[in-house]
PDB file of all heavy atoms in Angstrom:
ATOM      1  N   THR A   1     -23.611   2.024  -1.196  1.00  0.00           N
ATOM      2  CA  THR A   1     -22.575   1.867  -0.264  1.00  0.00           C
ATOM      3  C   THR A   1     -22.375   0.379  -0.004  1.00  0.00           C
ATOM      4  O   THR A   1     -23.230  -0.418  -0.394  1.00  0.00           O
ATOM      5  CB  THR A   1     -22.879   2.522   1.119  1.00  0.00           C
ATOM      6  OG1 THR A   1     -24.053   1.826   1.684  1.00  0.00           O
ATOM      7  CG2 THR A   1     -23.210   3.987   0.929  1.00  0.00           C
ATOM      8  N   LEU A   2     -21.250   0.043   0.581  1.00  0.00           N
ATOM      9  CA  LEU A   2     -20.918  -1.357   0.925  1.00  0.00           C
ATOM     10  C   LEU A   2     -22.068  -1.908   1.802  1.00  0.00           C
ATOM     11  O   LEU A   2     -22.560  -3.057   1.593  1.00  0.00           O
ATOM     12  CB  LEU A   2     -19.608  -1.497   1.611  1.00  0.00           C
ATOM     13  CG  LEU A   2     -19.168  -2.863   2.066  1.00  0.00           C
ATOM     14  CD1 LEU A   2     -19.083  -3.866   0.920  1.00  0.00           C
ATOM     15  CD2 LEU A   2     -17.846  -2.813   2.792  1.00  0.00           C
ATOM     16  N   LYS A   3     -22.487  -1.143   2.795  1.00  0.00           N
ATOM     17  CA  LYS A   3     -23.504  -1.563   3.719  1.00  0.00           C
ATOM     18  C   LYS A   3     -24.854  -1.777   2.972  1.00  0.00           C
ATOM     19  O   LYS A   3     -25.537  -2.807   3.307  1.00  0.00           O
ATOM     20  CB  LYS A   3     -23.736  -0.482   4.824  1.00  0.00           C
ATOM     21  CG  LYS A   3     -24.719  -0.934   5.878  1.00  0.00           C
ATOM     22  CD  LYS A   3     -24.721   0.177   6.987  1.00  0.00           C
ATOM     23  CE  LYS A   3     -25.766  -0.195   8.084  1.00  0.00           C
ATOM     24  NZ  LYS A   3     -25.829   0.845   9.134  1.00  0.00           N
ATOM     25  N   GLU A   4     -25.165  -0.924   2.018  1.00  0.00           N
ATOM     26  CA  GLU A   4     -26.404  -1.056   1.295  1.00  0.00           C
ATOM     27  C   GLU A   4     -26.383  -2.403   0.484  1.00  0.00           C
ATOM     28  O   GLU A   4     -27.419  -3.116   0.429  1.00  0.00           O
ATOM     29  CB  GLU A   4     -26.632   0.087   0.316  1.00  0.00           C
ATOM     30  CG  GLU A   4     -27.054   1.367   1.068  1.00  0.00           C
ATOM     31  CD  GLU A   4     -27.070   2.564   0.153  1.00  0.00           C
ATOM     32  OE1 GLU A   4     -26.405   2.527  -0.892  1.00  0.00           O
ATOM     33  OE2 GLU A   4     -27.619   3.586   0.611  1.00  0.00           O
ATOM     34  N   ILE A   5     -25.240  -2.712  -0.147  1.00  0.00           N
ATOM     35  CA  ILE A   5     -25.183  -3.938  -0.937  1.00  0.00           C
ATOM     36  C   ILE A   5     -25.248  -5.164   0.016  1.00  0.00           C
ATOM     37  O   ILE A   5     -26.045  -6.081  -0.292  1.00  0.00           O
ATOM     38  CB  ILE A   5     -23.848  -3.992  -1.729  1.00  0.00           C
ATOM     39  CG1 ILE A   5     -23.869  -2.906  -2.863  1.00  0.00           C
ATOM     40  CG2 ILE A   5     -23.592  -5.371  -2.305  1.00  0.00           C
ATOM     41  CD1 ILE A   5     -22.571  -2.871  -3.651  1.00  0.00           C
ATOM     42  N   MET A   6     -24.545  -5.079   1.138  1.00  0.00           N
ATOM     43  CA  MET A   6     -24.574  -6.198   2.085  1.00  0.00           C
ATOM     44  C   MET A   6     -26.010  -6.542   2.540  1.00  0.00           C
ATOM     45  O   MET A   6     -26.329  -7.689   2.793  1.00  0.00           O
ATOM     46  CB  MET A   6     -23.626  -5.936   3.245  1.00  0.00           C
ATOM     47  CG  MET A   6     -22.203  -5.931   2.910  1.00  0.00           C
ATOM     48  SD  MET A   6     -21.585  -7.619   2.688  1.00  0.00           S
ATOM     49  CE  MET A   6     -21.546  -8.220   4.338  1.00  0.00           C
ATOM     50  N   SER A   7     -26.799  -5.467   2.761  1.00  0.00           N
ATOM     51  CA  SER A   7     -28.086  -5.700   3.350  1.00  0.00           C
ATOM     52  C   SER A   7     -29.247  -5.801   2.282  1.00  0.00           C
ATOM     53  O   SER A   7     -30.430  -6.025   2.660  1.00  0.00           O
ATOM     54  CB  SER A   7     -28.444  -4.489   4.293  1.00  0.00           C
ATOM     55  OG  SER A   7     -28.480  -3.287   3.611  1.00  0.00           O
ATOM     56  N   SER A   8     -28.900  -5.656   1.032  1.00  0.00           N
ATOM     57  CA  SER A   8     -29.890  -5.661  -0.004  1.00  0.00           C
ATOM     58  C   SER A   8     -30.392  -7.101  -0.334  1.00  0.00           C
ATOM     59  O   SER A   8     -29.619  -8.022  -0.447  1.00  0.00           O
ATOM     60  CB  SER A   8     -29.374  -5.053  -1.282  1.00  0.00           C
ATOM     61  OG  SER A   8     -30.300  -5.161  -2.357  1.00  0.00           O
ATOM     62  N   PRO A   9     -31.730  -7.234  -0.569  1.00  0.00           N
ATOM     63  CA  PRO A   9     -32.198  -8.541  -1.014  1.00  0.00           C
ATOM     64  C   PRO A   9     -31.703  -8.874  -2.431  1.00  0.00           C
ATOM     65  O   PRO A   9     -31.686  -9.989  -2.905  1.00  0.00           O
ATOM     66  CB  PRO A   9     -33.665  -8.396  -0.997  1.00  0.00           C
ATOM     67  CG  PRO A   9     -33.980  -6.967  -0.989  1.00  0.00           C
ATOM     68  CD  PRO A   9     -32.811  -6.277  -0.248  1.00  0.00           C
ATOM     69  N   GLU A  10     -31.208  -7.834  -3.149  1.00  0.00           N
ATOM     70  CA  GLU A  10     -30.661  -7.996  -4.481  1.00  0.00           C
ATOM     71  C   GLU A  10     -29.141  -8.058  -4.429  1.00  0.00           C
ATOM     72  O   GLU A  10     -28.482  -7.844  -5.480  1.00  0.00           O
ATOM     73  CB  GLU A  10     -31.090  -6.795  -5.324  1.00  0.00           C
ATOM     74  CG  GLU A  10     -32.546  -6.753  -5.702  1.00  0.00           C
ATOM     75  CD  GLU A  10     -32.938  -7.855  -6.668  1.00  0.00           C
ATOM     76  OE1 GLU A  10     -32.428  -7.821  -7.810  1.00  0.00           O
ATOM     77  OE2 GLU A  10     -33.685  -8.768  -6.290  1.00  0.00           O
ATOM     78  N   LYS A  11     -28.542  -8.408  -3.311  1.00  0.00           N
ATOM     79  CA  LYS A  11     -27.127  -8.400  -3.128  1.00  0.00           C
ATOM     80  C   LYS A  11     -26.443  -9.191  -4.255  1.00  0.00           C
ATOM     81  O   LYS A  11     -25.418  -8.697  -4.836  1.00  0.00           O
ATOM     82  CB  LYS A  11     -26.681  -8.955  -1.752  1.00  0.00           C
ATOM     83  CG  LYS A  11     -25.223  -9.088  -1.498  1.00  0.00           C
ATOM     84  CD  LYS A  11     -24.908  -9.640  -0.120  1.00  0.00           C
ATOM     85  CE  LYS A  11     -25.486 -10.985   0.117  1.00  0.00           C
ATOM     86  NZ  LYS A  11     -25.007 -11.572   1.423  1.00  0.00           N
ATOM     87  N   THR A  12     -26.871 -10.390  -4.510  1.00  0.00           N
ATOM     88  CA  THR A  12     -26.167 -11.229  -5.429  1.00  0.00           C
ATOM     89  C   THR A  12     -26.216 -10.642  -6.842  1.00  0.00           C
ATOM     90  O   THR A  12     -25.204 -10.650  -7.629  1.00  0.00           O
ATOM     91  CB  THR A  12     -26.801 -12.672  -5.486  1.00  0.00           C
ATOM     92  OG1 THR A  12     -26.726 -13.227  -4.146  1.00  0.00           O
ATOM     93  CG2 THR A  12     -26.100 -13.595  -6.452  1.00  0.00           C
ATOM     94  N   ARG A  13     -27.367 -10.103  -7.225  1.00  0.00           N
ATOM     95  CA  ARG A  13     -27.481  -9.499  -8.568  1.00  0.00           C
ATOM     96  C   ARG A  13     -26.629  -8.225  -8.684  1.00  0.00           C
ATOM     97  O   ARG A  13     -25.976  -8.002  -9.690  1.00  0.00           O
ATOM     98  CB  ARG A  13     -28.956  -9.158  -8.894  1.00  0.00           C
ATOM     99  CG  ARG A  13     -29.815 -10.379  -9.018  1.00  0.00           C
ATOM    100  CD  ARG A  13     -31.232 -10.067  -9.397  1.00  0.00           C
ATOM    101  NE  ARG A  13     -32.138 -11.238  -9.363  1.00  0.00           N
ATOM    102  CZ  ARG A  13     -32.193 -12.100 -10.326  1.00  0.00           C
ATOM    103  NH1 ARG A  13     -31.547 -11.954 -11.369  1.00  0.00           N
ATOM    104  NH2 ARG A  13     -33.027 -13.136 -10.144  1.00  0.00           N
ATOM    105  N   LEU A  14     -26.622  -7.401  -7.593  1.00  0.00           N
ATOM    106  CA  LEU A  14     -25.780  -6.240  -7.606  1.00  0.00           C
ATOM    107  C   LEU A  14     -24.258  -6.589  -7.753  1.00  0.00           C
ATOM    108  O   LEU A  14     -23.548  -5.993  -8.535  1.00  0.00           O
ATOM    109  CB  LEU A  14     -26.048  -5.397  -6.332  1.00  0.00           C
ATOM    110  CG  LEU A  14     -27.381  -4.740  -6.236  1.00  0.00           C
ATOM    111  CD1 LEU A  14     -27.563  -4.116  -4.804  1.00  0.00           C
ATOM    112  CD2 LEU A  14     -27.509  -3.611  -7.266  1.00  0.00           C
ATOM    113  N   LEU A  15     -23.910  -7.586  -6.993  1.00  0.00           N
ATOM    114  CA  LEU A  15     -22.547  -8.033  -6.979  1.00  0.00           C
ATOM    115  C   LEU A  15     -22.144  -8.598  -8.356  1.00  0.00           C
ATOM    116  O   LEU A  15     -20.997  -8.381  -8.872  1.00  0.00           O
ATOM    117  CB  LEU A  15     -22.275  -8.980  -5.880  1.00  0.00           C
ATOM    118  CG  LEU A  15     -20.791  -9.326  -5.528  1.00  0.00           C
ATOM    119  CD1 LEU A  15     -20.002  -8.012  -5.320  1.00  0.00           C
ATOM    120  CD2 LEU A  15     -20.769 -10.180  -4.234  1.00  0.00           C
ATOM    121  N   ALA A  16     -23.078  -9.323  -8.942  1.00  0.00           N
ATOM    122  CA  ALA A  16     -22.828  -9.929 -10.285  1.00  0.00           C
ATOM    123  C   ALA A  16     -22.589  -8.822 -11.301  1.00  0.00           C
ATOM    124  O   ALA A  16     -21.730  -8.849 -12.166  1.00  0.00           O
ATOM    125  CB  ALA A  16     -23.988 -10.799 -10.720  1.00  0.00           C
ATOM    126  N   ARG A  17     -23.417  -7.759 -11.192  1.00  0.00           N
ATOM    127  CA  ARG A  17     -23.245  -6.626 -12.160  1.00  0.00           C
ATOM    128  C   ARG A  17     -21.939  -5.944 -11.974  1.00  0.00           C
ATOM    129  O   ARG A  17     -21.230  -5.639 -12.897  1.00  0.00           O
ATOM    130  CB  ARG A  17     -24.411  -5.612 -11.932  1.00  0.00           C
ATOM    131  CG  ARG A  17     -25.727  -6.110 -12.544  1.00  0.00           C
ATOM    132  CD  ARG A  17     -26.840  -5.046 -12.292  1.00  0.00           C
ATOM    133  NE  ARG A  17     -28.008  -5.382 -13.047  1.00  0.00           N
ATOM    134  CZ  ARG A  17     -28.983  -6.238 -12.620  1.00  0.00           C
ATOM    135  NH1 ARG A  17     -28.811  -6.829 -11.454  1.00  0.00           N
ATOM    136  NH2 ARG A  17     -30.029  -6.477 -13.362  1.00  0.00           N
ATOM    137  N   HIS A  18     -21.520  -5.688 -10.668  1.00  0.00           N
ATOM    138  CA  HIS A  18     -20.135  -5.103 -10.495  1.00  0.00           C
ATOM    139  C   HIS A  18     -19.141  -6.025 -11.079  1.00  0.00           C
ATOM    140  O   HIS A  18     -18.222  -5.538 -11.799  1.00  0.00           O
ATOM    141  CB  HIS A  18     -19.909  -4.907  -8.961  1.00  0.00           C
ATOM    142  CG  HIS A  18     -18.422  -4.951  -8.703  1.00  0.00           C
ATOM    143  ND1 HIS A  18     -17.570  -3.818  -8.970  1.00  0.00           N
ATOM    144  CD2 HIS A  18     -17.518  -5.929  -8.311  1.00  0.00           C
ATOM    145  CE1 HIS A  18     -16.305  -4.131  -8.684  1.00  0.00           C
ATOM    146  NE2 HIS A  18     -16.283  -5.372  -8.306  1.00  0.00           N
ATOM    147  N   ASN A  19     -19.193  -7.317 -10.789  1.00  0.00           N
ATOM    148  CA  ASN A  19     -18.157  -8.240 -11.281  1.00  0.00           C
ATOM    149  C   ASN A  19     -18.069  -8.192 -12.791  1.00  0.00           C
ATOM    150  O   ASN A  19     -16.968  -8.358 -13.379  1.00  0.00           O
ATOM    151  CB  ASN A  19     -18.487  -9.678 -10.762  1.00  0.00           C
ATOM    152  CG  ASN A  19     -18.229  -9.832  -9.289  1.00  0.00           C
ATOM    153  OD1 ASN A  19     -17.560  -9.062  -8.652  1.00  0.00           O
ATOM    154  ND2 ASN A  19     -18.797 -10.946  -8.752  1.00  0.00           N
ATOM    155  N   LEU A  20     -19.210  -8.112 -13.463  1.00  0.00           N
ATOM    156  CA  LEU A  20     -19.164  -8.073 -14.923  1.00  0.00           C
ATOM    157  C   LEU A  20     -18.693  -6.735 -15.405  1.00  0.00           C
ATOM    158  O   LEU A  20     -17.928  -6.662 -16.375  1.00  0.00           O
ATOM    159  CB  LEU A  20     -20.523  -8.406 -15.492  1.00  0.00           C
ATOM    160  CG  LEU A  20     -20.577  -8.572 -16.979  1.00  0.00           C
ATOM    161  CD1 LEU A  20     -19.571  -9.595 -17.443  1.00  0.00           C
ATOM    162  CD2 LEU A  20     -21.970  -8.945 -17.457  1.00  0.00           C
ATOM    163  N   TYR A  21     -19.099  -5.605 -14.770  1.00  0.00           N
ATOM    164  CA  TYR A  21     -18.593  -4.307 -15.182  1.00  0.00           C
ATOM    165  C   TYR A  21     -17.092  -4.263 -15.097  1.00  0.00           C
ATOM    166  O   TYR A  21     -16.408  -3.788 -16.038  1.00  0.00           O
ATOM    167  CB  TYR A  21     -19.195  -3.249 -14.318  1.00  0.00           C
ATOM    168  CG  TYR A  21     -20.516  -2.668 -14.699  1.00  0.00           C
ATOM    169  CD1 TYR A  21     -21.602  -2.661 -13.808  1.00  0.00           C
ATOM    170  CD2 TYR A  21     -20.675  -2.074 -15.999  1.00  0.00           C
ATOM    171  CE1 TYR A  21     -22.862  -2.140 -14.216  1.00  0.00           C
ATOM    172  CE2 TYR A  21     -21.946  -1.592 -16.371  1.00  0.00           C
ATOM    173  CZ  TYR A  21     -22.977  -1.613 -15.526  1.00  0.00           C
ATOM    174  OH  TYR A  21     -24.220  -1.086 -15.893  1.00  0.00           O
ATOM    175  N   VAL A  22     -16.467  -4.781 -14.018  1.00  0.00           N
ATOM    176  CA  VAL A  22     -15.044  -4.695 -13.915  1.00  0.00           C
ATOM    177  C   VAL A  22     -14.345  -5.567 -14.868  1.00  0.00           C
ATOM    178  O   VAL A  22     -13.240  -5.242 -15.359  1.00  0.00           O
ATOM    179  CB  VAL A  22     -14.597  -4.907 -12.421  1.00  0.00           C
ATOM    180  CG1 VAL A  22     -14.620  -6.478 -12.101  1.00  0.00           C
ATOM    181  CG2 VAL A  22     -13.251  -4.388 -12.104  1.00  0.00           C
ATOM    182  N   SER A  23     -15.014  -6.703 -15.247  1.00  0.00           N
ATOM    183  CA  SER A  23     -14.424  -7.589 -16.191  1.00  0.00           C
ATOM    184  C   SER A  23     -14.369  -6.969 -17.577  1.00  0.00           C
ATOM    185  O   SER A  23     -13.432  -7.071 -18.341  1.00  0.00           O
ATOM    186  CB  SER A  23     -15.199  -8.915 -16.202  1.00  0.00           C
ATOM    187  OG  SER A  23     -15.068  -9.510 -14.955  1.00  0.00           O
ATOM    188  N   LEU A  24     -15.577  -6.387 -18.015  1.00  0.00           N
ATOM    189  CA  LEU A  24     -15.668  -5.776 -19.308  1.00  0.00           C
ATOM    190  C   LEU A  24     -14.732  -4.544 -19.414  1.00  0.00           C
ATOM    191  O   LEU A  24     -14.191  -4.301 -20.457  1.00  0.00           O
ATOM    192  CB  LEU A  24     -17.069  -5.324 -19.563  1.00  0.00           C
ATOM    193  CG  LEU A  24     -18.130  -6.460 -19.779  1.00  0.00           C
ATOM    194  CD1 LEU A  24     -19.522  -5.981 -19.713  1.00  0.00           C
ATOM    195  CD2 LEU A  24     -17.841  -7.273 -21.023  1.00  0.00           C
ATOM    196  N   GLN A  25     -14.566  -3.846 -18.317  1.00  0.00           N
ATOM    197  CA  GLN A  25     -13.659  -2.676 -18.278  1.00  0.00           C
ATOM    198  C   GLN A  25     -12.220  -3.121 -18.527  1.00  0.00           C
ATOM    199  O   GLN A  25     -11.438  -2.486 -19.198  1.00  0.00           O
ATOM    200  CB  GLN A  25     -13.780  -1.933 -16.940  1.00  0.00           C
ATOM    201  CG  GLN A  25     -12.808  -0.783 -16.807  1.00  0.00           C
ATOM    202  CD  GLN A  25     -13.055   0.356 -17.733  1.00  0.00           C
ATOM    203  OE1 GLN A  25     -14.227   0.533 -18.143  1.00  0.00           O
ATOM    204  NE2 GLN A  25     -12.035   1.052 -18.131  1.00  0.00           N
ATOM    205  N   GLU A  26     -11.843  -4.268 -17.895  1.00  0.00           N
ATOM    206  CA  GLU A  26     -10.472  -4.761 -18.070  1.00  0.00           C
ATOM    207  C   GLU A  26     -10.194  -5.172 -19.512  1.00  0.00           C
ATOM    208  O   GLU A  26      -9.122  -4.999 -20.068  1.00  0.00           O
ATOM    209  CB  GLU A  26     -10.220  -5.930 -17.095  1.00  0.00           C
ATOM    210  CG  GLU A  26      -8.896  -6.569 -17.241  1.00  0.00           C
ATOM    211  CD  GLU A  26      -7.663  -5.742 -16.942  1.00  0.00           C
ATOM    212  OE1 GLU A  26      -7.852  -4.548 -16.548  1.00  0.00           O
ATOM    213  OE2 GLU A  26      -6.534  -6.208 -17.115  1.00  0.00           O
ATOM    214  N   ILE A  27     -11.234  -5.726 -20.174  1.00  0.00           N
ATOM    215  CA  ILE A  27     -11.090  -6.091 -21.608  1.00  0.00           C
ATOM    216  C   ILE A  27     -10.731  -4.845 -22.418  1.00  0.00           C
ATOM    217  O   ILE A  27      -9.892  -4.846 -23.308  1.00  0.00           O
ATOM    218  CB  ILE A  27     -12.333  -6.797 -22.114  1.00  0.00           C
ATOM    219  CG1 ILE A  27     -12.463  -8.214 -21.517  1.00  0.00           C
ATOM    220  CG2 ILE A  27     -12.300  -6.811 -23.644  1.00  0.00           C
ATOM    221  CD1 ILE A  27     -11.478  -9.166 -22.026  1.00  0.00           C
ATOM    222  N   LYS A  28     -11.479  -3.694 -22.049  1.00  0.00           N
ATOM    223  CA  LYS A  28     -11.178  -2.449 -22.789  1.00  0.00           C
ATOM    224  C   LYS A  28      -9.742  -1.981 -22.515  1.00  0.00           C
ATOM    225  O   LYS A  28      -9.087  -1.431 -23.436  1.00  0.00           O
ATOM    226  CB  LYS A  28     -12.179  -1.413 -22.343  1.00  0.00           C
ATOM    227  CG  LYS A  28     -13.575  -1.610 -22.813  1.00  0.00           C
ATOM    228  CD  LYS A  28     -14.520  -0.537 -22.277  1.00  0.00           C
ATOM    229  CE  LYS A  28     -15.986  -0.771 -22.644  1.00  0.00           C
ATOM    230  NZ  LYS A  28     -16.864   0.246 -22.044  1.00  0.00           N
ATOM    231  N   GLN A  29      -9.299  -2.161 -21.346  1.00  0.00           N
ATOM    232  CA  GLN A  29      -7.916  -1.740 -20.986  1.00  0.00           C
ATOM    233  C   GLN A  29      -6.910  -2.589 -21.734  1.00  0.00           C
ATOM    234  O   GLN A  29      -5.887  -2.098 -22.230  1.00  0.00           O
ATOM    235  CB  GLN A  29      -7.655  -1.839 -19.459  1.00  0.00           C
ATOM    236  CG  GLN A  29      -6.304  -1.441 -18.986  1.00  0.00           C
ATOM    237  CD  GLN A  29      -6.021   0.040 -19.332  1.00  0.00           C
ATOM    238  OE1 GLN A  29      -6.720   0.894 -18.843  1.00  0.00           O
ATOM    239  NE2 GLN A  29      -5.021   0.280 -20.160  1.00  0.00           N
ATOM    240  N   VAL A  30      -7.201  -3.887 -21.849  1.00  0.00           N
ATOM    241  CA  VAL A  30      -6.297  -4.796 -22.574  1.00  0.00           C
ATOM    242  C   VAL A  30      -6.242  -4.339 -24.020  1.00  0.00           C
ATOM    243  O   VAL A  30      -5.179  -4.260 -24.644  1.00  0.00           O
ATOM    244  CB  VAL A  30      -6.769  -6.206 -22.487  1.00  0.00           C
ATOM    245  CG1 VAL A  30      -6.117  -7.190 -23.509  1.00  0.00           C
ATOM    246  CG2 VAL A  30      -6.586  -6.784 -21.012  1.00  0.00           C
ATOM    247  N   LYS A  31      -7.419  -4.032 -24.616  1.00  0.00           N
ATOM    248  CA  LYS A  31      -7.439  -3.567 -26.050  1.00  0.00           C
ATOM    249  C   LYS A  31      -6.627  -2.263 -26.171  1.00  0.00           C
ATOM    250  O   LYS A  31      -5.860  -2.183 -27.165  1.00  0.00           O
ATOM    251  CB  LYS A  31      -8.870  -3.308 -26.415  1.00  0.00           C
ATOM    252  CG  LYS A  31      -9.728  -4.530 -26.727  1.00  0.00           C
ATOM    253  CD  LYS A  31     -11.117  -4.137 -27.147  1.00  0.00           C
ATOM    254  CE  LYS A  31     -12.041  -5.305 -27.353  1.00  0.00           C
ATOM    255  NZ  LYS A  31     -13.352  -4.878 -27.713  1.00  0.00           N
ATOM    256  N   GLU A  32      -6.816  -1.354 -25.335  1.00  0.00           N
ATOM    257  CA  GLU A  32      -6.064  -0.099 -25.452  1.00  0.00           C
ATOM    258  C   GLU A  32      -4.566  -0.331 -25.305  1.00  0.00           C
ATOM    259  O   GLU A  32      -3.742   0.254 -26.023  1.00  0.00           O
ATOM    260  CB  GLU A  32      -6.544   0.879 -24.320  1.00  0.00           C
ATOM    261  CG  GLU A  32      -5.858   2.289 -24.411  1.00  0.00           C
ATOM    262  CD  GLU A  32      -6.079   2.993 -25.711  1.00  0.00           C
ATOM    263  OE1 GLU A  32      -7.113   2.662 -26.417  1.00  0.00           O
ATOM    264  OE2 GLU A  32      -5.343   3.907 -26.024  1.00  0.00           O
ATOM    265  N   SER A  33      -4.172  -1.264 -24.421  1.00  0.00           N
ATOM    266  CA  SER A  33      -2.800  -1.554 -24.216  1.00  0.00           C
ATOM    267  C   SER A  33      -2.175  -2.231 -25.480  1.00  0.00           C
ATOM    268  O   SER A  33      -1.016  -1.965 -25.901  1.00  0.00           O
ATOM    269  CB  SER A  33      -2.590  -2.497 -23.061  1.00  0.00           C
ATOM    270  OG  SER A  33      -3.071  -1.833 -21.868  1.00  0.00           O
ATOM    271  N   ILE A  34      -2.961  -3.112 -26.167  1.00  0.00           N
ATOM    272  CA  ILE A  34      -2.506  -3.707 -27.403  1.00  0.00           C
ATOM    273  C   ILE A  34      -2.329  -2.646 -28.430  1.00  0.00           C
ATOM    274  O   ILE A  34      -1.337  -2.541 -29.205  1.00  0.00           O
ATOM    275  CB  ILE A  34      -3.492  -4.805 -27.875  1.00  0.00           C
ATOM    276  CG1 ILE A  34      -3.483  -5.957 -26.902  1.00  0.00           C
ATOM    277  CG2 ILE A  34      -3.145  -5.237 -29.313  1.00  0.00           C
ATOM    278  CD1 ILE A  34      -4.593  -7.006 -27.260  1.00  0.00           C
ATOM    279  N   ARG A  35      -3.321  -1.737 -28.538  1.00  0.00           N
ATOM    280  CA  ARG A  35      -3.245  -0.697 -29.588  1.00  0.00           C
ATOM    281  C   ARG A  35      -2.097   0.221 -29.433  1.00  0.00           C
ATOM    282  O   ARG A  35      -1.411   0.616 -30.417  1.00  0.00           O
ATOM    283  CB  ARG A  35      -4.586   0.132 -29.524  1.00  0.00           C
ATOM    284  CG  ARG A  35      -4.749   1.058 -30.713  1.00  0.00           C
ATOM    285  CD  ARG A  35      -5.832   2.100 -30.428  1.00  0.00           C
ATOM    286  NE  ARG A  35      -5.455   2.944 -29.289  1.00  0.00           N
ATOM    287  CZ  ARG A  35      -4.565   3.986 -29.429  1.00  0.00           C
ATOM    288  NH1 ARG A  35      -3.977   4.232 -30.544  1.00  0.00           N
ATOM    289  NH2 ARG A  35      -4.338   4.699 -28.346  1.00  0.00           N
ATOM    290  N   GLU A  36      -1.751   0.537 -28.196  1.00  0.00           N
ATOM    291  CA  GLU A  36      -0.631   1.466 -27.952  1.00  0.00           C
ATOM    292  C   GLU A  36       0.740   0.780 -27.732  1.00  0.00           C
ATOM    293  O   GLU A  36       1.746   1.393 -27.511  1.00  0.00           O
ATOM    294  CB  GLU A  36      -0.891   2.442 -26.749  1.00  0.00           C
ATOM    295  CG  GLU A  36      -1.017   1.775 -25.432  1.00  0.00           C
ATOM    296  CD  GLU A  36      -1.395   2.759 -24.325  1.00  0.00           C
ATOM    297  OE1 GLU A  36      -1.960   3.851 -24.671  1.00  0.00           O
ATOM    298  OE2 GLU A  36      -1.107   2.456 -23.171  1.00  0.00           O
TER     299      GLU A  36
END
């Protein structure tokens, strides 16, 4: 949950993982858009 991330000692690492997941996902969307 948002609250769990905010209070976690691993907050920065968790947020970095989210930020990278959403970035890699967008690259896949861009590829699919080029293909179609």
